[in-house]
Amino acid sequence: MTEKTLSIATVATGVLTTVTKGRTLYQAAANAMDAVEVQGTLTGAKKKEAVMAFIKSMVIDIGSNWDVYEKLISTFIDQIKTAYNAVKDLFK
């Protein structure tokens, strides 16, 4: 696997296999993180804000309570991004 084929969603796959509640939201967050990375117009906190806004709209659209997911998704984003960066460095 090269850095070009490594994605945040790929790194998140192992974690997501153990998730039972909210897996769709976490997968959507990982996919959105990849989309923001590819887009390349946002940096740092703005990337996270964009992903959080997208997932918040999903949560509201499915009739769930954003307050339940906000901290969980935020932590997931931070942790998966850290894991992605660590794995990405292995392929440099």
Protein backbone atom coordinates (compact mmCIF):
# COMPACT_ATOMS: atom_id res chain seq x y z
CA MET A 1 0.00 0.00 0.00
CA THR A 2 1.36 3.39 -0.90
CA GLU A 3 0.54 6.76 0.57
CA LYS A 4 -1.56 7.53 -2.50
CA THR A 5 -3.87 4.57 -1.85
CA LEU A 6 -3.97 4.99 1.91
CA SER A 7 -7.09 6.79 3.06
CA ILE A 8 -8.55 7.79 6.38
CA ALA A 9 -11.47 5.45 5.72
CA THR A 10 -9.03 2.58 5.19
CA VAL A 11 -7.32 3.28 8.50
CA ALA A 12 -10.71 3.55 10.21
CA THR A 13 -11.90 0.20 8.84
CA GLY A 14 -10.35 -1.84 11.64
CA VAL A 15 -11.92 0.34 14.28
CA LEU A 16 -15.29 0.41 12.57
CA THR A 17 -15.57 -3.37 12.49
CA THR A 18 -15.92 -3.28 16.27
CA VAL A 19 -18.47 -0.46 16.38
CA THR A 20 -22.09 -1.51 16.68
CA LYS A 21 -23.95 1.73 17.37
CA GLY A 22 -23.55 4.59 14.94
CA ARG A 23 -21.24 2.75 12.54
CA THR A 24 -22.84 4.47 9.55
CA LEU A 25 -22.13 7.88 11.05
CA TYR A 26 -18.53 7.02 11.86
CA GLN A 27 -17.99 5.63 8.36
CA ALA A 28 -19.55 8.77 6.89
CA ALA A 29 -17.22 10.87 9.04
CA ALA A 30 -14.18 8.95 7.78
CA ASN A 31 -15.35 9.31 4.18
CA ALA A 32 -15.99 13.02 4.69
CA MET A 33 -12.52 13.39 6.17
CA ASP A 34 -11.08 11.83 3.02
CA ALA A 35 -13.16 14.13 0.83
CA VAL A 36 -11.92 17.18 2.71
CA GLU A 37 -8.32 15.94 2.39
CA VAL A 38 -8.69 15.46 -1.36
CA GLN A 39 -10.38 18.81 -1.83
CA GLY A 40 -7.34 20.48 -0.29
CA THR A 41 -8.87 23.91 0.22
CA LEU A 42 -9.30 23.74 4.00
CA THR A 43 -6.69 23.38 6.69
CA GLY A 44 -6.59 22.16 10.28
CA ALA A 45 -9.59 23.06 12.37
CA LYS A 46 -11.59 24.13 9.30
CA LYS A 47 -11.43 20.55 8.00
CA LYS A 48 -12.85 19.23 11.24
CA GLU A 49 -15.54 21.92 11.29
CA ALA A 50 -16.62 20.94 7.78
CA VAL A 51 -16.81 17.24 8.67
CA MET A 52 -18.66 17.97 11.91
CA ALA A 53 -21.20 20.14 10.06
CA PHE A 54 -21.77 17.40 7.49
CA ILE A 55 -22.26 14.70 10.12
CA LYS A 56 -24.48 16.97 12.20
CA SER A 57 -26.76 17.41 9.20
CA MET A 58 -26.86 13.63 8.74
CA VAL A 59 -27.74 13.08 12.40
CA ILE A 60 -30.51 15.66 12.27
CA ASP A 61 -31.81 14.27 8.96
CA ILE A 62 -32.21 10.80 10.45
CA GLY A 63 -34.01 12.26 13.45
CA SER A 64 -31.31 11.56 16.01
CA ASN A 65 -30.09 13.84 18.75
CA TRP A 66 -26.86 15.62 17.79
CA ASP A 67 -26.03 16.13 21.48
CA VAL A 68 -25.61 12.36 21.79
CA TYR A 69 -23.13 12.16 18.93
CA GLU A 70 -21.24 15.46 18.95
CA LYS A 71 -18.51 14.55 21.44
CA LEU A 72 -18.26 10.98 20.14
CA ILE A 73 -17.78 12.09 16.53
CA SER A 74 -15.34 14.82 17.54
CA THR A 75 -13.21 12.34 19.47
CA PHE A 76 -13.42 9.83 16.61
CA ILE A 77 -12.19 12.44 14.13
CA ASP A 78 -9.26 13.38 16.35
CA GLN A 79 -8.25 9.79 17.04
CA ILE A 80 -8.63 8.50 13.49
CA LYS A 81 -6.71 11.46 12.10
CA THR A 82 -3.90 10.74 14.57
CA ALA A 83 -3.89 7.07 13.56
CA TYR A 84 -3.97 7.97 9.87
CA ASN A 85 -1.01 10.32 10.23
CA ALA A 86 0.97 7.66 12.10
CA VAL A 87 0.25 4.99 9.48
CA LYS A 88 0.83 7.40 6.60
CA ASP A 89 4.33 8.06 7.90
CA LEU A 90 5.13 4.36 7.57
CA PHE A 91 4.69 4.59 3.80
CA LYS A 92 6.90 7.58 3.11
